[in-house]
Amino acid sequence: MGDANKMLEEQQKELERIRAKRRRGVNTDKLRKALNIIFLVLAIIGFSFYFVKGYRDTGIVIIVIGMVVKIIEFFIRFMM
């Protein structure tokens, strides 16, 4: 019984250490949400320009910029 209690205490200490490390880490949720909103706005504007006669190239450029924003958000989500 003593060994089981000792193992349980060690596991709880390790869990608390991991939780403390997560709390100290950078909170990227707000940044990711902002980047997602920017991406959505750029996508809507880009598609609007794309379907207006004479502004197809402008629409493509806006969509590409939105895609770059989305790629940045992707890397923040999976690398941080």
Protein backbone atom coordinates (compact mmCIF):
# COMPACT_ATOMS: atom_id res chain seq x y z
CA MET A 1 0.00 0.00 0.00
CA GLY A 2 2.91 2.34 0.75
CA ASP A 3 4.38 1.90 -2.73
CA ALA A 4 1.03 2.65 -4.36
CA ASN A 5 0.65 5.86 -2.33
CA LYS A 6 4.18 6.91 -3.20
CA MET A 7 3.55 6.31 -6.92
CA LEU A 8 0.27 8.22 -6.74
CA GLU A 9 1.99 11.19 -5.08
CA GLU A 10 4.73 11.17 -7.73
CA GLN A 11 2.16 11.10 -10.51
CA GLN A 12 0.25 13.98 -8.94
CA LYS A 13 3.45 16.03 -8.62
CA GLU A 14 4.29 15.33 -12.27
CA LEU A 15 0.76 16.29 -13.33
CA GLU A 16 0.98 19.55 -11.37
CA ARG A 17 4.37 20.29 -12.95
CA ILE A 18 2.87 19.81 -16.42
CA ARG A 19 -0.12 22.00 -15.59
CA ALA A 20 2.15 24.75 -14.25
CA LYS A 21 4.23 24.60 -17.42
CA ARG A 22 1.08 24.98 -19.55
CA ARG A 23 -0.03 27.98 -17.50
CA ARG A 24 3.34 29.67 -18.04
CA GLY A 25 3.23 29.00 -21.78
CA VAL A 26 2.12 31.54 -24.34
CA ASN A 27 -1.65 31.66 -24.76
CA THR A 28 -2.16 31.77 -28.51
CA ASP A 29 -5.94 31.39 -28.56
CA LYS A 30 -6.68 35.11 -28.95
CA LEU A 31 -4.07 35.49 -31.68
CA ARG A 32 -5.40 32.46 -33.55
CA LYS A 33 -8.98 33.74 -33.31
CA ALA A 34 -7.92 37.15 -34.64
CA LEU A 35 -6.03 35.53 -37.52
CA ASN A 36 -9.06 33.38 -38.33
CA ILE A 37 -11.32 36.44 -38.43
CA ILE A 38 -8.84 38.24 -40.69
CA PHE A 39 -8.72 35.18 -42.95
CA LEU A 40 -12.50 34.99 -43.21
CA VAL A 41 -12.84 38.70 -43.96
CA LEU A 42 -10.12 38.52 -46.62
CA ALA A 43 -11.75 35.45 -48.15
CA ILE A 44 -15.13 37.17 -48.41
CA ILE A 45 -13.63 40.36 -49.83
CA GLY A 46 -11.39 38.39 -52.20
CA PHE A 47 -14.26 36.34 -53.59
CA SER A 48 -16.37 39.48 -53.95
CA PHE A 49 -13.63 41.15 -56.01
CA TYR A 50 -12.99 37.95 -57.97
CA PHE A 51 -16.53 37.85 -59.34
CA VAL A 52 -16.68 41.57 -60.23
CA LYS A 53 -15.74 42.12 -63.85
CA GLY A 54 -12.32 43.77 -64.18
CA TYR A 55 -11.14 43.01 -60.64
CA ARG A 56 -10.29 39.32 -60.98
CA ASP A 57 -6.53 39.84 -60.37
CA THR A 58 -7.24 41.97 -57.31
CA GLY A 59 -9.50 39.24 -55.95
CA ILE A 60 -6.82 36.61 -56.47
CA VAL A 61 -4.21 38.73 -54.65
CA ILE A 62 -6.58 39.27 -51.69
CA ILE A 63 -7.35 35.54 -51.54
CA VAL A 64 -3.63 34.68 -51.59
CA ILE A 65 -2.99 37.13 -48.74
CA GLY A 66 -5.81 35.44 -46.80
CA MET A 67 -4.23 32.05 -47.44
CA VAL A 68 -0.89 33.31 -46.09
CA VAL A 69 -2.69 34.48 -42.93
CA LYS A 70 -4.31 31.03 -42.60
CA ILE A 71 -0.94 29.28 -43.02
CA ILE A 72 0.52 31.48 -40.27
CA GLU A 73 -2.39 30.51 -38.01
CA PHE A 74 -1.81 26.85 -38.86
CA PHE A 75 1.84 27.03 -37.80
CA ILE A 76 0.94 28.84 -34.59
CA ARG A 77 -1.61 26.14 -33.77
CA PHE A 78 0.68 23.16 -34.36
CA MET A 79 4.11 24.54 -33.49
CA MET A 80 3.36 26.42 -30.28
